[in-house]
Amino acid sequence: MEVKILNESGYNEAIYGLSLSYNVTDIDKMKQVANNLAHKDGGHNKFLESIMLWVDIDAPRYWWSQMDTYRIGVTKNSESTMHTLLKRELNDMDFENPINPVVLDTVNMFIRNKEFEMAKDHLPEGFLQQRAICTSYKVLRNIIQQRHTHKLKAWHKFIDEIYRQAKYAQFLPIL
């Protein structure tokens, strides 16, 4: 799994919007208010909905099926199997972990024969798929709170990388 934050935007706009609620024009003061409110859920930290992140994620299909739980506040563009699966034969680098050579040979036979549905039916869940997502700090807080103790190691990798790369990691949950 690979996770790379491509861009973050909206911090100043979010702080400005927060300042309207307090009728305060001192942006430095509002940055401190934002730091205090970020960890108070229940609507107190709604300014986090305005701070957006674009993240490039290369993850196995089994992880994406769980990530798809988060539909509100997340948009995704993907490396579609519909358009890419038959382009070339696969190898171990296309999977989270090495797969059984017999399985790989079977999938590649279907790819060579341009049998899309059969190739997709036999494609292991460890197949890596790249997606670019756009989301907010508010959604990331929710994801982290729900997945930080998950049994899949991929969730821990995702969360660790978000904390490591995020400009405003102070707004994320304290674990």
C-alpha atoms as a PDB file:
ATOM      1  CA  MET A   1       0.000   0.000   0.000  1.00  0.00           C
ATOM      2  CA  GLU A   2       1.179   3.489  -0.848  1.00  0.00           C
ATOM      3  CA  VAL A   3      -0.409   6.724   0.367  1.00  0.00           C
ATOM      4  CA  LYS A   4       0.622  10.179  -0.810  1.00  0.00           C
ATOM      5  CA  ILE A   5      -1.078  13.456   0.008  1.00  0.00           C
ATOM      6  CA  LEU A   6      -1.052  15.359  -3.282  1.00  0.00           C
ATOM      7  CA  ASN A   7      -2.431  18.683  -2.044  1.00  0.00           C
ATOM      8  CA  GLU A   8      -4.218  20.370   0.834  1.00  0.00           C
ATOM      9  CA  SER A   9      -6.304  23.486   0.508  1.00  0.00           C
ATOM     10  CA  GLY A  10      -8.806  25.649   2.336  1.00  0.00           C
ATOM     11  CA  TYR A  11      -7.083  26.260   5.679  1.00  0.00           C
ATOM     12  CA  ASN A  12      -7.246  30.068   5.498  1.00  0.00           C
ATOM     13  CA  GLU A  13     -10.797  29.960   4.177  1.00  0.00           C
ATOM     14  CA  ALA A  14     -11.856  27.596   6.970  1.00  0.00           C
ATOM     15  CA  ILE A  15     -10.299  29.869   9.607  1.00  0.00           C
ATOM     16  CA  TYR A  16     -12.024  32.867   8.040  1.00  0.00           C
ATOM     17  CA  GLY A  17     -15.371  31.057   8.119  1.00  0.00           C
ATOM     18  CA  LEU A  18     -14.774  30.136  11.745  1.00  0.00           C
ATOM     19  CA  SER A  19     -14.006  33.778  12.545  1.00  0.00           C
ATOM     20  CA  LEU A  20     -17.464  34.770  11.311  1.00  0.00           C
ATOM     21  CA  SER A  21     -19.057  32.660  14.047  1.00  0.00           C
ATOM     22  CA  TYR A  22     -17.088  34.587  16.667  1.00  0.00           C
ATOM     23  CA  ASN A  23     -17.209  38.009  14.991  1.00  0.00           C
ATOM     24  CA  VAL A  24     -13.442  38.159  15.392  1.00  0.00           C
ATOM     25  CA  THR A  25     -11.038  39.553  12.803  1.00  0.00           C
ATOM     26  CA  ASP A  26      -7.776  38.484  14.479  1.00  0.00           C
ATOM     27  CA  ILE A  27      -6.823  35.454  12.392  1.00  0.00           C
ATOM     28  CA  ASP A  28      -3.998  34.426  14.741  1.00  0.00           C
ATOM     29  CA  LYS A  29      -6.510  34.283  17.599  1.00  0.00           C
ATOM     30  CA  MET A  30      -8.843  32.196  15.426  1.00  0.00           C
ATOM     31  CA  LYS A  31      -6.051  29.710  14.667  1.00  0.00           C
ATOM     32  CA  GLN A  32      -5.860  28.990  18.400  1.00  0.00           C
ATOM     33  CA  VAL A  33      -9.668  28.657  18.566  1.00  0.00           C
ATOM     34  CA  ALA A  34      -9.473  26.223  15.634  1.00  0.00           C
ATOM     35  CA  ASN A  35      -6.862  24.138  17.477  1.00  0.00           C
ATOM     36  CA  ASN A  36      -9.166  23.985  20.500  1.00  0.00           C
ATOM     37  CA  LEU A  37     -12.323  23.164  18.529  1.00  0.00           C
ATOM     38  CA  ALA A  38     -10.828  20.581  16.164  1.00  0.00           C
ATOM     39  CA  HIS A  39     -11.176  17.799  18.746  1.00  0.00           C
ATOM     40  CA  LYS A  40     -14.716  18.692  19.756  1.00  0.00           C
ATOM     41  CA  ASP A  41     -17.053  16.761  17.523  1.00  0.00           C
ATOM     42  CA  GLY A  42     -20.820  17.290  17.388  1.00  0.00           C
ATOM     43  CA  GLY A  43     -20.676  20.281  15.068  1.00  0.00           C
ATOM     44  CA  HIS A  44     -18.112  22.312  16.990  1.00  0.00           C
ATOM     45  CA  ASN A  45     -15.423  21.453  14.444  1.00  0.00           C
ATOM     46  CA  LYS A  46     -17.451  21.873  11.261  1.00  0.00           C
ATOM     47  CA  PHE A  47     -14.780  24.241   9.916  1.00  0.00           C
ATOM     48  CA  LEU A  48     -12.767  21.057   9.199  1.00  0.00           C
ATOM     49  CA  GLU A  49     -15.225  20.292   6.381  1.00  0.00           C
ATOM     50  CA  SER A  50     -13.647  23.203   4.490  1.00  0.00           C
ATOM     51  CA  ILE A  51     -10.061  21.961   4.644  1.00  0.00           C
ATOM     52  CA  MET A  52      -9.682  19.600   1.719  1.00  0.00           C
ATOM     53  CA  LEU A  53      -7.068  16.979   0.904  1.00  0.00           C
ATOM     54  CA  TRP A  54      -6.337  15.140  -2.299  1.00  0.00           C
ATOM     55  CA  VAL A  55      -4.713  11.786  -1.612  1.00  0.00           C
ATOM     56  CA  ASP A  56      -3.232   9.258  -4.041  1.00  0.00           C
ATOM     57  CA  ILE A  57      -3.697   5.725  -2.692  1.00  0.00           C
ATOM     58  CA  ASP A  58      -2.477   2.459  -4.165  1.00  0.00           C
ATOM     59  CA  ALA A  59      -4.249  -0.210  -2.112  1.00  0.00           C
ATOM     60  CA  PRO A  60      -5.585  -3.751  -2.441  1.00  0.00           C
ATOM     61  CA  ARG A  61      -9.159  -4.324  -3.508  1.00  0.00           C
ATOM     62  CA  TYR A  62     -10.102  -5.686  -0.067  1.00  0.00           C
ATOM     63  CA  TRP A  63      -9.089  -2.358   1.487  1.00  0.00           C
ATOM     64  CA  TRP A  64     -11.008  -0.357  -1.108  1.00  0.00           C
ATOM     65  CA  SER A  65     -14.168  -2.338  -0.401  1.00  0.00           C
ATOM     66  CA  GLN A  66     -13.958  -1.093   3.196  1.00  0.00           C
ATOM     67  CA  MET A  67     -12.935   2.444   2.220  1.00  0.00           C
ATOM     68  CA  ASP A  68     -16.045   2.595   0.050  1.00  0.00           C
ATOM     69  CA  THR A  69     -18.012   2.739   3.321  1.00  0.00           C
ATOM     70  CA  TYR A  70     -17.032   6.415   3.410  1.00  0.00           C
ATOM     71  CA  ARG A  71     -19.221   7.883   0.676  1.00  0.00           C
ATOM     72  CA  ILE A  72     -20.228  11.226   2.144  1.00  0.00           C
ATOM     73  CA  GLY A  73     -17.533  13.849   1.732  1.00  0.00           C
ATOM     74  CA  VAL A  74     -15.272  11.622  -0.375  1.00  0.00           C
ATOM     75  CA  THR A  75     -14.945  11.671  -4.136  1.00  0.00           C
ATOM     76  CA  LYS A  76     -12.787   9.128  -5.943  1.00  0.00           C
ATOM     77  CA  ASN A  77     -11.262   8.676  -9.352  1.00  0.00           C
ATOM     78  CA  SER A  78      -9.769   5.283  -9.987  1.00  0.00           C
ATOM     79  CA  GLU A  79      -7.569   3.164 -12.141  1.00  0.00           C
ATOM     80  CA  SER A  80     -10.580   1.227 -13.386  1.00  0.00           C
ATOM     81  CA  THR A  81     -10.256  -2.500 -13.931  1.00  0.00           C
ATOM     82  CA  MET A  82     -12.811  -2.042 -16.715  1.00  0.00           C
ATOM     83  CA  HIS A  83     -10.311  -0.007 -18.722  1.00  0.00           C
ATOM     84  CA  THR A  84      -6.965  -1.376 -17.520  1.00  0.00           C
ATOM     85  CA  LEU A  85      -7.246  -5.064 -16.661  1.00  0.00           C
ATOM     86  CA  LEU A  86      -6.755  -6.384 -20.190  1.00  0.00           C
ATOM     87  CA  LYS A  87      -3.927  -3.967 -21.115  1.00  0.00           C
ATOM     88  CA  ARG A  88      -1.087  -6.224 -19.933  1.00  0.00           C
ATOM     89  CA  GLU A  89      -0.342  -9.424 -18.079  1.00  0.00           C
ATOM     90  CA  LEU A  90       0.006  -9.139 -14.312  1.00  0.00           C
ATOM     91  CA  ASN A  91       2.936 -10.010 -12.051  1.00  0.00           C
ATOM     92  CA  ASP A  92       3.565 -10.185  -8.299  1.00  0.00           C
ATOM     93  CA  MET A  93       4.189  -6.417  -8.151  1.00  0.00           C
ATOM     94  CA  ASP A  94       0.494  -5.895  -8.989  1.00  0.00           C
ATOM     95  CA  PHE A  95      -0.531  -7.418  -5.647  1.00  0.00           C
ATOM     96  CA  GLU A  96      -0.183  -6.480  -2.003  1.00  0.00           C
ATOM     97  CA  ASN A  97       1.583  -9.811  -1.369  1.00  0.00           C
ATOM     98  CA  PRO A  98       2.868 -12.495  -3.740  1.00  0.00           C
ATOM     99  CA  ILE A  99       0.073 -14.754  -4.976  1.00  0.00           C
ATOM    100  CA  ASN A 100      -0.059 -18.401  -5.914  1.00  0.00           C
ATOM    101  CA  PRO A 101       1.632 -18.792  -9.340  1.00  0.00           C
ATOM    102  CA  VAL A 102      -1.227 -20.992 -10.550  1.00  0.00           C
ATOM    103  CA  VAL A 103      -3.721 -18.216  -9.778  1.00  0.00           C
ATOM    104  CA  LEU A 104      -1.522 -15.649 -11.528  1.00  0.00           C
ATOM    105  CA  ASP A 105      -1.168 -17.891 -14.591  1.00  0.00           C
ATOM    106  CA  THR A 106      -4.943 -18.395 -14.695  1.00  0.00           C
ATOM    107  CA  VAL A 107      -5.679 -14.667 -14.537  1.00  0.00           C
ATOM    108  CA  ASN A 108      -3.032 -13.979 -17.193  1.00  0.00           C
ATOM    109  CA  MET A 109      -4.522 -16.648 -19.471  1.00  0.00           C
ATOM    110  CA  PHE A 110      -7.860 -14.824 -19.314  1.00  0.00           C
ATOM    111  CA  ILE A 111      -6.079 -11.505 -19.958  1.00  0.00           C
ATOM    112  CA  ARG A 112      -4.274 -12.927 -23.009  1.00  0.00           C
ATOM    113  CA  ASN A 113      -7.594 -14.260 -24.321  1.00  0.00           C
ATOM    114  CA  LYS A 114      -9.298 -10.904 -23.633  1.00  0.00           C
ATOM    115  CA  GLU A 115     -11.876 -12.603 -21.396  1.00  0.00           C
ATOM    116  CA  PHE A 116     -12.623  -9.634 -19.177  1.00  0.00           C
ATOM    117  CA  GLU A 117     -15.322 -11.121 -16.959  1.00  0.00           C
ATOM    118  CA  MET A 118     -13.327 -14.289 -16.305  1.00  0.00           C
ATOM    119  CA  ALA A 119     -10.174 -12.294 -15.542  1.00  0.00           C
ATOM    120  CA  LYS A 120     -12.117 -10.103 -13.136  1.00  0.00           C
ATOM    121  CA  ASP A 121     -13.848 -13.116 -11.527  1.00  0.00           C
ATOM    122  CA  HIS A 122     -10.458 -14.726 -10.800  1.00  0.00           C
ATOM    123  CA  LEU A 123      -8.648 -11.540  -9.763  1.00  0.00           C
ATOM    124  CA  PRO A 124      -7.448 -11.921  -6.144  1.00  0.00           C
ATOM    125  CA  GLU A 125      -8.540  -9.347  -3.555  1.00  0.00           C
ATOM    126  CA  GLY A 126      -4.893  -8.421  -2.999  1.00  0.00           C
ATOM    127  CA  PHE A 127      -4.810  -6.784  -6.459  1.00  0.00           C
ATOM    128  CA  LEU A 128      -3.576  -3.211  -6.070  1.00  0.00           C
ATOM    129  CA  GLN A 129      -5.754  -0.450  -7.432  1.00  0.00           C
ATOM    130  CA  GLN A 130      -4.784   3.198  -7.531  1.00  0.00           C
ATOM    131  CA  ARG A 131      -7.326   5.870  -6.701  1.00  0.00           C
ATOM    132  CA  ALA A 132      -7.125   9.574  -6.095  1.00  0.00           C
ATOM    133  CA  ILE A 133      -9.550  10.703  -3.431  1.00  0.00           C
ATOM    134  CA  CYS A 134     -10.667  14.141  -2.383  1.00  0.00           C
ATOM    135  CA  THR A 135     -11.864  14.476   1.186  1.00  0.00           C
ATOM    136  CA  SER A 136     -11.790  16.766   4.198  1.00  0.00           C
ATOM    137  CA  TYR A 137     -10.164  16.752   7.606  1.00  0.00           C
ATOM    138  CA  LYS A 138     -13.613  16.197   9.111  1.00  0.00           C
ATOM    139  CA  VAL A 139     -14.038  12.942   7.158  1.00  0.00           C
ATOM    140  CA  LEU A 140     -10.473  11.851   7.937  1.00  0.00           C
ATOM    141  CA  ARG A 141     -11.165  12.318  11.661  1.00  0.00           C
ATOM    142  CA  ASN A 142     -14.136   9.979  11.315  1.00  0.00           C
ATOM    143  CA  ILE A 143     -12.164   7.382   9.352  1.00  0.00           C
ATOM    144  CA  ILE A 144      -9.308   7.430  11.857  1.00  0.00           C
ATOM    145  CA  GLN A 145     -11.624   7.179  14.853  1.00  0.00           C
ATOM    146  CA  GLN A 146     -13.395   4.183  13.327  1.00  0.00           C
ATOM    147  CA  ARG A 147     -10.387   2.333  11.866  1.00  0.00           C
ATOM    148  CA  HIS A 148      -7.370   2.969  14.128  1.00  0.00           C
ATOM    149  CA  THR A 149      -7.854  -0.361  15.939  1.00  0.00           C
ATOM    150  CA  HIS A 150      -8.873  -2.345  12.836  1.00  0.00           C
ATOM    151  CA  LYS A 151      -7.342  -5.789  12.353  1.00  0.00           C
ATOM    152  CA  LEU A 152      -6.232  -5.068   8.768  1.00  0.00           C
ATOM    153  CA  LYS A 153      -2.663  -3.744   8.760  1.00  0.00           C
ATOM    154  CA  ALA A 154      -3.485  -1.636   5.698  1.00  0.00           C
ATOM    155  CA  TRP A 155      -5.665   0.653   7.841  1.00  0.00           C
ATOM    156  CA  HIS A 156      -2.751   1.250  10.202  1.00  0.00           C
ATOM    157  CA  LYS A 157      -0.497   2.056   7.242  1.00  0.00           C
ATOM    158  CA  PHE A 158      -3.075   4.467   5.816  1.00  0.00           C
ATOM    159  CA  ILE A 159      -3.550   6.245   9.145  1.00  0.00           C
ATOM    160  CA  ASP A 160       0.202   6.419   9.850  1.00  0.00           C
ATOM    161  CA  GLU A 161       0.841   7.961   6.434  1.00  0.00           C
ATOM    162  CA  ILE A 162      -1.941  10.520   6.863  1.00  0.00           C
ATOM    163  CA  TYR A 163      -0.489  11.592  10.228  1.00  0.00           C
ATOM    164  CA  ARG A 164       3.019  11.687   8.781  1.00  0.00           C
ATOM    165  CA  GLN A 165       2.129  13.777   5.732  1.00  0.00           C
ATOM    166  CA  ALA A 166      -0.798  15.976   6.794  1.00  0.00           C
ATOM    167  CA  LYS A 167      -0.066  19.702   7.119  1.00  0.00           C
ATOM    168  CA  TYR A 168      -2.648  20.054   9.873  1.00  0.00           C
ATOM    169  CA  ALA A 169      -2.205  16.765  11.709  1.00  0.00           C
ATOM    170  CA  GLN A 170      -3.019  18.641  14.931  1.00  0.00           C
ATOM    171  CA  PHE A 171      -6.667  18.567  13.769  1.00  0.00           C
ATOM    172  CA  LEU A 172      -6.710  14.765  13.576  1.00  0.00           C
ATOM    173  CA  PRO A 173      -7.723  12.557  16.532  1.00  0.00           C
ATOM    174  CA  ILE A 174      -5.208  12.068  19.310  1.00  0.00           C
ATOM    175  CA  LEU A 175      -4.668   8.316  19.512  1.00  0.00           C
END
